[in-house]
Amino acid sequence: MVKNGSDEGSLMKSGDVFLKDILREYKGKLYVPEQIFGANLSEEQEFEKNVEDLPKMSLVDFQKYMKFDKIKLLTFKEDSGASLGLRSRDFIVELKEMPGEKSLQRTKWAMKLDQSQAQALLEEYTGPRYEVEKQMMEIPVKVLWNLPLLSSGTEVNAVI
């Protein structure tokens, strides 16, 4: 064991490397990927980001992959848009890996379908699927109860 002069009397094995020594040696030259500082996204936000970023797949291509059982997972968000008048629905399609060069194969795709196509697809596709639940937003409200049993109105906090 070697006595480390920079560490007030602590002992270290020769060959041990400490972060502070690396930082001192490479000061100003270290690279930290931006993903480290990214905010943690909710499942719904991650789904939306993937829909934007992934290449698009057509319904015809999806049906071809479905016919040959090449779909690993179909992910979609719960249908809340129909009541709001939205006429399309997003999907993320994960394909099974195929033999060959893995780096040349794209296994994740995004797909946007209108409401009738989406309904038909969900009825026709019987493979694995995952539904992303819509995040509920909490809205704190104060409710004033005026009950005959209570001498004065009682304030109750509730979340809707």
N, C-alpha and C. Protein backbone atom coordinates (compact mmCIF):
# COMPACT_ATOMS: atom_id res chain seq x y z
N MET A 1 0.83 -1.17 0.00
CA MET A 1 0.00 0.00 0.00
C MET A 1 0.88 1.25 0.00
N VAL A 2 0.41 2.27 -0.67
CA VAL A 2 1.16 3.51 -0.81
C VAL A 2 0.39 4.62 -0.13
N LYS A 3 1.11 5.47 0.54
CA LYS A 3 0.46 6.59 1.21
C LYS A 3 0.23 7.70 0.18
N ASN A 4 -1.00 8.16 0.08
CA ASN A 4 -1.35 9.21 -0.88
C ASN A 4 -1.19 10.56 -0.18
N GLY A 5 -0.26 11.37 -0.65
CA GLY A 5 0.03 12.65 -0.03
C GLY A 5 -1.12 13.63 -0.15
N SER A 6 -1.91 13.56 -1.22
CA SER A 6 -2.98 14.54 -1.41
C SER A 6 -4.21 14.23 -0.57
N ASP A 7 -4.27 13.05 -0.01
CA ASP A 7 -5.44 12.64 0.77
C ASP A 7 -5.03 12.51 2.24
N GLU A 8 -5.16 13.48 3.03
CA GLU A 8 -4.75 13.54 4.42
C GLU A 8 -4.60 12.17 5.08
N GLY A 9 -3.53 11.48 4.79
CA GLY A 9 -3.21 10.24 5.49
C GLY A 9 -4.01 9.02 5.09
N SER A 10 -4.82 9.06 4.02
CA SER A 10 -5.56 7.87 3.63
C SER A 10 -4.65 6.93 2.85
N LEU A 11 -4.90 5.66 2.96
CA LEU A 11 -4.10 4.66 2.25
C LEU A 11 -4.83 4.21 1.00
N MET A 12 -4.07 3.97 -0.07
CA MET A 12 -4.68 3.46 -1.29
C MET A 12 -3.75 2.44 -1.92
N LYS A 13 -4.30 1.49 -2.64
CA LYS A 13 -3.51 0.50 -3.36
C LYS A 13 -2.89 1.18 -4.56
N SER A 14 -1.71 0.74 -4.93
CA SER A 14 -1.13 1.30 -6.16
C SER A 14 -1.98 0.81 -7.32
N GLY A 15 -2.31 1.69 -8.21
CA GLY A 15 -3.18 1.35 -9.34
C GLY A 15 -4.60 1.85 -9.17
N ASP A 16 -4.99 2.25 -7.94
CA ASP A 16 -6.32 2.83 -7.73
C ASP A 16 -6.38 4.19 -8.40
N VAL A 17 -7.54 4.51 -8.96
CA VAL A 17 -7.73 5.79 -9.62
C VAL A 17 -8.92 6.47 -8.96
N PHE A 18 -8.74 7.75 -8.62
CA PHE A 18 -9.79 8.51 -7.99
C PHE A 18 -10.31 9.57 -8.94
N LEU A 19 -11.62 9.85 -8.86
CA LEU A 19 -12.26 10.81 -9.74
C LEU A 19 -11.61 12.18 -9.65
N LYS A 20 -11.27 12.62 -8.45
CA LYS A 20 -10.68 13.96 -8.31
C LYS A 20 -9.34 14.05 -9.05
N ASP A 21 -8.58 12.94 -9.11
CA ASP A 21 -7.32 12.95 -9.85
C ASP A 21 -7.55 13.04 -11.35
N ILE A 22 -8.59 12.35 -11.84
CA ILE A 22 -8.93 12.40 -13.26
C ILE A 22 -9.39 13.80 -13.64
N LEU A 23 -10.24 14.38 -12.79
CA LEU A 23 -10.75 15.73 -13.06
C LEU A 23 -9.61 16.74 -13.10
N ARG A 24 -8.64 16.60 -12.18
CA ARG A 24 -7.52 17.51 -12.15
C ARG A 24 -6.67 17.35 -13.41
N GLU A 25 -6.43 16.10 -13.82
CA GLU A 25 -5.58 15.83 -14.98
C GLU A 25 -6.22 16.28 -16.29
N TYR A 26 -7.53 16.10 -16.44
CA TYR A 26 -8.21 16.41 -17.71
C TYR A 26 -9.08 17.66 -17.60
N LYS A 27 -8.73 18.57 -16.71
CA LYS A 27 -9.52 19.78 -16.49
C LYS A 27 -9.79 20.52 -17.81
N GLY A 28 -11.08 20.77 -18.10
CA GLY A 28 -11.45 21.49 -19.31
C GLY A 28 -11.52 20.63 -20.56
N LYS A 29 -11.23 19.34 -20.45
CA LYS A 29 -11.21 18.47 -21.63
C LYS A 29 -12.22 17.33 -21.56
N LEU A 30 -13.02 17.27 -20.51
CA LEU A 30 -13.99 16.18 -20.36
C LEU A 30 -15.30 16.53 -21.07
N TYR A 31 -15.93 15.53 -21.66
CA TYR A 31 -17.20 15.69 -22.38
C TYR A 31 -18.27 14.90 -21.64
N VAL A 32 -19.38 15.54 -21.36
CA VAL A 32 -20.52 14.88 -20.74
C VAL A 32 -21.69 14.98 -21.72
N PRO A 33 -22.25 13.83 -22.16
CA PRO A 33 -23.37 13.87 -23.11
C PRO A 33 -24.56 14.65 -22.55
N GLU A 34 -25.27 15.36 -23.43
CA GLU A 34 -26.42 16.17 -23.02
C GLU A 34 -27.53 15.34 -22.40
N GLN A 35 -27.64 14.06 -22.77
CA GLN A 35 -28.70 13.20 -22.25
C GLN A 35 -28.63 13.08 -20.74
N ILE A 36 -27.45 13.22 -20.17
CA ILE A 36 -27.28 13.10 -18.72
C ILE A 36 -28.08 14.21 -18.02
N PHE A 37 -28.14 15.40 -18.65
CA PHE A 37 -28.79 16.53 -18.02
C PHE A 37 -30.26 16.65 -18.41
N GLY A 38 -30.74 15.76 -19.26
CA GLY A 38 -32.13 15.81 -19.70
C GLY A 38 -33.09 15.53 -18.57
N ALA A 39 -34.24 16.14 -18.64
CA ALA A 39 -35.27 15.92 -17.62
C ALA A 39 -35.86 14.53 -17.78
N ASN A 40 -36.26 13.95 -16.67
CA ASN A 40 -36.93 12.66 -16.74
C ASN A 40 -38.32 12.88 -17.31
N LEU A 41 -38.61 12.20 -18.42
CA LEU A 41 -39.90 12.36 -19.07
C LEU A 41 -40.88 11.34 -18.54
N SER A 42 -42.13 11.72 -18.50
CA SER A 42 -43.17 10.76 -18.13
C SER A 42 -43.33 9.79 -19.30
N GLU A 43 -44.03 8.72 -19.05
CA GLU A 43 -44.26 7.73 -20.09
C GLU A 43 -44.98 8.34 -21.29
N GLU A 44 -45.94 9.21 -21.01
CA GLU A 44 -46.70 9.86 -22.07
C GLU A 44 -45.83 10.83 -22.87
N GLN A 45 -44.98 11.60 -22.18
CA GLN A 45 -44.08 12.53 -22.86
C GLN A 45 -43.06 11.79 -23.71
N GLU A 46 -42.56 10.68 -23.20
CA GLU A 46 -41.59 9.87 -23.96
C GLU A 46 -42.25 9.30 -25.22
N PHE A 47 -43.50 8.87 -25.10
CA PHE A 47 -44.24 8.37 -26.24
C PHE A 47 -44.37 9.46 -27.31
N GLU A 48 -44.77 10.66 -26.89
CA GLU A 48 -44.92 11.78 -27.83
C GLU A 48 -43.60 12.12 -28.50
N LYS A 49 -42.51 12.10 -27.75
CA LYS A 49 -41.19 12.39 -28.31
C LYS A 49 -40.81 11.33 -29.34
N ASN A 50 -41.06 10.06 -29.02
CA ASN A 50 -40.76 8.98 -29.97
C ASN A 50 -41.58 9.11 -31.24
N VAL A 51 -42.85 9.49 -31.12
CA VAL A 51 -43.71 9.65 -32.29
C VAL A 51 -43.13 10.72 -33.22
N GLU A 52 -42.60 11.79 -32.63
CA GLU A 52 -42.01 12.88 -33.43
C GLU A 52 -40.69 12.45 -34.08
N ASP A 53 -39.84 11.74 -33.31
CA ASP A 53 -38.48 11.46 -33.74
C ASP A 53 -38.33 10.25 -34.67
N LEU A 54 -39.17 9.24 -34.49
CA LEU A 54 -39.02 8.00 -35.25
C LEU A 54 -39.46 8.18 -36.70
N PRO A 55 -38.88 7.37 -37.61
CA PRO A 55 -39.36 7.39 -39.00
C PRO A 55 -40.78 6.86 -39.07
N LYS A 56 -41.49 7.27 -40.09
CA LYS A 56 -42.91 6.92 -40.21
C LYS A 56 -43.11 5.63 -41.01
N MET A 57 -44.07 4.84 -40.57
CA MET A 57 -44.44 3.60 -41.24
C MET A 57 -45.86 3.77 -41.79
N SER A 58 -46.11 3.22 -42.95
CA SER A 58 -47.45 3.30 -43.53
C SER A 58 -48.30 2.14 -43.03
N LEU A 59 -49.60 2.27 -43.16
CA LEU A 59 -50.52 1.20 -42.77
C LEU A 59 -50.28 -0.04 -43.61
N VAL A 60 -49.99 0.15 -44.90
CA VAL A 60 -49.73 -0.98 -45.80
C VAL A 60 -48.51 -1.77 -45.33
N ASP A 61 -47.43 -1.05 -44.96
CA ASP A 61 -46.24 -1.73 -44.46
C ASP A 61 -46.54 -2.46 -43.15
N PHE A 62 -47.32 -1.83 -42.27
CA PHE A 62 -47.69 -2.48 -41.02
C PHE A 62 -48.43 -3.78 -41.29
N GLN A 63 -49.36 -3.75 -42.23
CA GLN A 63 -50.14 -4.95 -42.55
C GLN A 63 -49.25 -6.06 -43.10
N LYS A 64 -48.23 -5.70 -43.89
CA LYS A 64 -47.29 -6.70 -44.41
C LYS A 64 -46.53 -7.36 -43.25
N TYR A 65 -46.01 -6.52 -42.34
CA TYR A 65 -45.28 -7.06 -41.19
C TYR A 65 -46.20 -7.90 -40.31
N MET A 66 -47.45 -7.49 -40.16
CA MET A 66 -48.41 -8.22 -39.34
C MET A 66 -48.71 -9.58 -39.97
N LYS A 67 -48.83 -9.61 -41.30
CA LYS A 67 -49.13 -10.86 -42.01
C LYS A 67 -48.05 -11.91 -41.78
N PHE A 68 -46.78 -11.46 -41.70
CA PHE A 68 -45.67 -12.40 -41.52
C PHE A 68 -45.20 -12.48 -40.07
N ASP A 69 -46.03 -12.01 -39.13
CA ASP A 69 -45.75 -12.09 -37.69
C ASP A 69 -44.37 -11.51 -37.34
N LYS A 70 -44.10 -10.32 -37.83
CA LYS A 70 -42.81 -9.66 -37.59
C LYS A 70 -42.93 -8.51 -36.59
N ILE A 71 -44.10 -8.33 -35.98
CA ILE A 71 -44.30 -7.23 -35.04
C ILE A 71 -44.07 -7.74 -33.62
N LYS A 72 -43.15 -7.08 -32.94
CA LYS A 72 -42.81 -7.45 -31.57
C LYS A 72 -43.78 -6.82 -30.58
N LEU A 73 -44.10 -5.52 -30.78
CA LEU A 73 -44.97 -4.81 -29.85
C LEU A 73 -45.60 -3.60 -30.55
N LEU A 74 -46.87 -3.37 -30.28
CA LEU A 74 -47.58 -2.20 -30.77
C LEU A 74 -47.94 -1.35 -29.55
N THR A 75 -47.42 -0.12 -29.52
CA THR A 75 -47.66 0.78 -28.39
C THR A 75 -48.53 1.93 -28.86
N PHE A 76 -49.51 2.30 -28.06
CA PHE A 76 -50.39 3.42 -28.41
C PHE A 76 -50.86 4.09 -27.14
N LYS A 77 -51.34 5.30 -27.28
CA LYS A 77 -51.84 6.06 -26.14
C LYS A 77 -53.34 5.89 -26.06
N GLU A 78 -53.88 5.88 -24.85
CA GLU A 78 -55.31 5.72 -24.69
C GLU A 78 -56.05 6.78 -25.49
N ASP A 79 -57.20 6.41 -25.99
CA ASP A 79 -57.95 7.26 -26.91
C ASP A 79 -58.75 8.30 -26.15
N SER A 80 -58.18 9.50 -26.07
CA SER A 80 -58.92 10.58 -25.44
C SER A 80 -59.26 11.65 -26.48
N GLY A 81 -58.71 11.54 -27.66
CA GLY A 81 -58.88 12.54 -28.70
C GLY A 81 -60.21 12.50 -29.41
N ALA A 82 -60.87 11.35 -29.44
CA ALA A 82 -62.13 11.23 -30.17
C ALA A 82 -63.18 12.17 -29.59
N SER A 83 -63.20 12.29 -28.26
CA SER A 83 -64.18 13.17 -27.65
C SER A 83 -63.84 14.65 -27.88
N LEU A 84 -62.57 14.93 -28.18
CA LEU A 84 -62.15 16.31 -28.42
C LEU A 84 -62.21 16.68 -29.91
N GLY A 85 -62.62 15.74 -30.73
CA GLY A 85 -62.73 16.01 -32.16
C GLY A 85 -61.45 15.72 -32.94
N LEU A 86 -60.45 15.14 -32.28
CA LEU A 86 -59.21 14.80 -32.99
C LEU A 86 -59.46 13.57 -33.85
N ARG A 87 -58.95 13.58 -35.04
CA ARG A 87 -59.26 12.51 -35.98
C ARG A 87 -58.09 11.59 -36.28
N SER A 88 -57.00 11.66 -35.52
CA SER A 88 -55.88 10.76 -35.78
C SER A 88 -55.40 10.14 -34.47
N ARG A 89 -54.65 9.06 -34.62
CA ARG A 89 -54.14 8.34 -33.46
C ARG A 89 -52.73 7.88 -33.78
N ASP A 90 -51.82 8.00 -32.80
CA ASP A 90 -50.42 7.65 -33.00
C ASP A 90 -50.11 6.28 -32.43
N PHE A 91 -49.18 5.60 -33.12
CA PHE A 91 -48.72 4.28 -32.70
C PHE A 91 -47.20 4.24 -32.80
N ILE A 92 -46.58 3.40 -31.97
CA ILE A 92 -45.17 3.06 -32.13
C ILE A 92 -45.12 1.57 -32.37
N VAL A 93 -44.45 1.20 -33.45
CA VAL A 93 -44.38 -0.20 -33.87
C VAL A 93 -42.95 -0.68 -33.66
N GLU A 94 -42.79 -1.74 -32.86
CA GLU A 94 -41.48 -2.37 -32.68
C GLU A 94 -41.50 -3.68 -33.45
N LEU A 95 -40.51 -3.83 -34.33
CA LEU A 95 -40.42 -5.04 -35.14
C LEU A 95 -39.49 -6.04 -34.48
N LYS A 96 -39.72 -7.31 -34.75
CA LYS A 96 -38.82 -8.36 -34.28
C LYS A 96 -37.52 -8.24 -35.05
N GLU A 97 -36.42 -8.63 -34.40
CA GLU A 97 -35.12 -8.59 -35.08
C GLU A 97 -35.10 -9.65 -36.16
N MET A 98 -34.48 -9.28 -37.28
CA MET A 98 -34.37 -10.20 -38.41
C MET A 98 -32.92 -10.60 -38.59
N PRO A 99 -32.67 -11.75 -39.20
CA PRO A 99 -31.28 -12.16 -39.42
C PRO A 99 -30.57 -11.13 -40.31
N GLY A 100 -29.28 -10.96 -40.07
CA GLY A 100 -28.51 -10.02 -40.88
C GLY A 100 -27.85 -8.97 -40.02
N GLU A 101 -27.33 -7.96 -40.67
CA GLU A 101 -26.62 -6.87 -40.00
C GLU A 101 -27.58 -6.03 -39.16
N LYS A 102 -27.41 -6.07 -37.84
CA LYS A 102 -28.33 -5.38 -36.92
C LYS A 102 -28.26 -3.86 -37.08
N SER A 103 -27.08 -3.32 -37.37
CA SER A 103 -26.95 -1.88 -37.45
C SER A 103 -27.67 -1.29 -38.66
N LEU A 104 -27.99 -2.11 -39.64
CA LEU A 104 -28.67 -1.63 -40.84
C LEU A 104 -30.19 -1.74 -40.72
N GLN A 105 -30.66 -2.40 -39.67
CA GLN A 105 -32.10 -2.61 -39.52
C GLN A 105 -32.70 -1.60 -38.56
N ARG A 106 -33.82 -1.07 -38.95
CA ARG A 106 -34.57 -0.18 -38.06
C ARG A 106 -35.68 -1.03 -37.45
N THR A 107 -35.76 -1.03 -36.11
CA THR A 107 -36.77 -1.87 -35.46
C THR A 107 -37.91 -1.08 -34.84
N LYS A 108 -37.78 0.25 -34.74
CA LYS A 108 -38.84 1.08 -34.15
C LYS A 108 -39.32 2.09 -35.18
N TRP A 109 -40.66 2.17 -35.32
CA TRP A 109 -41.28 3.07 -36.28
C TRP A 109 -42.46 3.76 -35.61
N ALA A 110 -42.83 4.91 -36.14
CA ALA A 110 -44.04 5.61 -35.69
C ALA A 110 -45.07 5.53 -36.80
N MET A 111 -46.33 5.55 -36.43
CA MET A 111 -47.40 5.47 -37.42
C MET A 111 -48.55 6.36 -36.95
N LYS A 112 -49.12 7.13 -37.86
CA LYS A 112 -50.27 7.99 -37.55
C LYS A 112 -51.42 7.52 -38.44
N LEU A 113 -52.54 7.21 -37.80
CA LEU A 113 -53.72 6.73 -38.53
C LEU A 113 -54.92 7.57 -38.15
N ASP A 114 -55.88 7.65 -39.08
CA ASP A 114 -57.12 8.34 -38.71
C ASP A 114 -57.92 7.41 -37.81
N GLN A 115 -58.97 7.94 -37.22
CA GLN A 115 -59.73 7.21 -36.20
C GLN A 115 -60.29 5.88 -36.71
N SER A 116 -60.82 5.85 -37.93
CA SER A 116 -61.41 4.60 -38.44
C SER A 116 -60.32 3.56 -38.75
N GLN A 117 -59.20 4.00 -39.30
CA GLN A 117 -58.09 3.07 -39.56
C GLN A 117 -57.55 2.51 -38.25
N ALA A 118 -57.41 3.38 -37.25
CA ALA A 118 -56.89 2.94 -35.95
C ALA A 118 -57.82 1.91 -35.32
N GLN A 119 -59.10 2.14 -35.39
CA GLN A 119 -60.07 1.21 -34.81
C GLN A 119 -59.99 -0.14 -35.52
N ALA A 120 -59.91 -0.12 -36.85
CA ALA A 120 -59.81 -1.36 -37.62
C ALA A 120 -58.51 -2.10 -37.30
N LEU A 121 -57.42 -1.36 -37.17
CA LEU A 121 -56.14 -1.97 -36.87
C LEU A 121 -56.17 -2.65 -35.51
N LEU A 122 -56.73 -1.97 -34.50
CA LEU A 122 -56.79 -2.56 -33.16
C LEU A 122 -57.70 -3.78 -33.10
N GLU A 123 -58.70 -3.83 -33.96
CA GLU A 123 -59.56 -5.02 -34.01
C GLU A 123 -58.86 -6.17 -34.73
N GLU A 124 -58.08 -5.84 -35.76
CA GLU A 124 -57.43 -6.86 -36.59
C GLU A 124 -56.15 -7.41 -35.94
N TYR A 125 -55.37 -6.55 -35.30
CA TYR A 125 -54.09 -6.96 -34.73
C TYR A 125 -54.30 -7.66 -33.39
N THR A 126 -53.81 -8.89 -33.29
CA THR A 126 -54.02 -9.68 -32.07
C THR A 126 -52.73 -9.92 -31.30
N GLY A 127 -51.63 -9.35 -31.77
CA GLY A 127 -50.33 -9.56 -31.12
C GLY A 127 -50.15 -8.71 -29.88
N PRO A 128 -48.92 -8.71 -29.34
CA PRO A 128 -48.63 -7.95 -28.13
C PRO A 128 -48.85 -6.45 -28.34
N ARG A 129 -49.46 -5.82 -27.36
CA ARG A 129 -49.71 -4.38 -27.43
C ARG A 129 -49.58 -3.79 -26.04
N TYR A 130 -49.29 -2.49 -26.02
CA TYR A 130 -49.16 -1.78 -24.76
C TYR A 130 -49.82 -0.42 -24.90
N GLU A 131 -50.69 -0.10 -23.96
CA GLU A 131 -51.39 1.16 -24.00
C GLU A 131 -50.80 2.11 -22.96
N VAL A 132 -50.31 3.25 -23.42
CA VAL A 132 -49.76 4.27 -22.53
C VAL A 132 -50.94 5.04 -21.93
N GLU A 133 -50.98 5.10 -20.62
CA GLU A 133 -52.08 5.79 -19.95
C GLU A 133 -51.85 7.29 -19.99
N LYS A 134 -52.92 8.01 -20.21
CA LYS A 134 -52.85 9.47 -20.22
C LYS A 134 -52.65 9.96 -18.81
N GLN A 135 -51.73 10.92 -18.67
CA GLN A 135 -51.45 11.49 -17.36
C GLN A 135 -52.63 12.32 -16.89
N MET A 136 -53.00 12.13 -15.66
CA MET A 136 -54.07 12.93 -15.08
C MET A 136 -53.43 14.14 -14.42
N MET A 137 -54.02 15.29 -14.61
CA MET A 137 -53.50 16.50 -14.01
C MET A 137 -54.27 16.78 -12.72
N GLU A 138 -53.52 17.01 -11.66
CA GLU A 138 -54.16 17.30 -10.38
C GLU A 138 -54.43 18.79 -10.29
N ILE A 139 -55.65 19.13 -9.92
CA ILE A 139 -56.03 20.52 -9.75
C ILE A 139 -56.56 20.67 -8.32
N PRO A 140 -55.80 21.33 -7.47
CA PRO A 140 -56.29 21.49 -6.10
C PRO A 140 -57.43 22.50 -6.06
N VAL A 141 -58.48 22.16 -5.34
CA VAL A 141 -59.63 23.06 -5.19
C VAL A 141 -60.05 23.06 -3.72
N LYS A 142 -60.68 24.12 -3.32
CA LYS A 142 -61.22 24.19 -1.96
C LYS A 142 -62.73 24.04 -2.06
N VAL A 143 -63.26 23.16 -1.25
CA VAL A 143 -64.70 22.92 -1.22
C VAL A 143 -65.21 23.36 0.15
N LEU A 144 -66.24 24.12 0.15
CA LEU A 144 -66.82 24.60 1.41
C LEU A 144 -68.07 23.79 1.69
N TRP A 145 -68.00 23.01 2.75
CA TRP A 145 -69.14 22.19 3.14
C TRP A 145 -69.94 22.96 4.19
N ASN A 146 -71.22 23.04 4.00
CA ASN A 146 -72.07 23.68 4.99
C ASN A 146 -73.11 22.65 5.41
N LEU A 147 -72.76 21.89 6.42
CA LEU A 147 -73.64 20.83 6.88
C LEU A 147 -74.34 21.27 8.17
N PRO A 148 -75.58 20.87 8.35
CA PRO A 148 -76.31 21.25 9.57
C PRO A 148 -75.64 20.75 10.84
N LEU A 149 -74.90 19.66 10.75
CA LEU A 149 -74.27 19.10 11.94
C LEU A 149 -73.10 19.95 12.42
N LEU A 150 -72.49 20.68 11.50
CA LEU A 150 -71.34 21.49 11.86
C LEU A 150 -71.80 22.91 12.14
N SER A 151 -71.25 23.50 13.17
CA SER A 151 -71.68 24.84 13.56
C SER A 151 -71.26 25.89 12.54
N SER A 152 -70.13 25.70 11.90
CA SER A 152 -69.70 26.65 10.87
C SER A 152 -69.26 25.86 9.63
N GLY A 153 -69.14 26.54 8.50
CA GLY A 153 -68.70 25.88 7.28
C GLY A 153 -67.31 25.30 7.50
N THR A 154 -67.07 24.09 7.01
CA THR A 154 -65.78 23.44 7.16
C THR A 154 -65.09 23.41 5.81
N GLU A 155 -63.84 23.84 5.80
CA GLU A 155 -63.07 23.88 4.55
C GLU A 155 -62.39 22.53 4.34
N VAL A 156 -62.51 22.00 3.15
CA VAL A 156 -61.91 20.70 2.83
C VAL A 156 -61.11 20.89 1.55
N ASN A 157 -59.88 20.42 1.55
CA ASN A 157 -59.06 20.44 0.34
C ASN A 157 -59.28 19.15 -0.42
N ALA A 158 -59.47 19.25 -1.70
CA ALA A 158 -59.69 18.07 -2.53
C ALA A 158 -58.89 18.19 -3.81
N VAL A 159 -58.63 17.07 -4.43
CA VAL A 159 -57.94 17.04 -5.72
C VAL A 159 -58.87 16.44 -6.74
N ILE A 160 -59.07 17.16 -7.83
CA ILE A 160 -59.96 16.67 -8.89
C ILE A 160 -59.11 16.18 -10.02
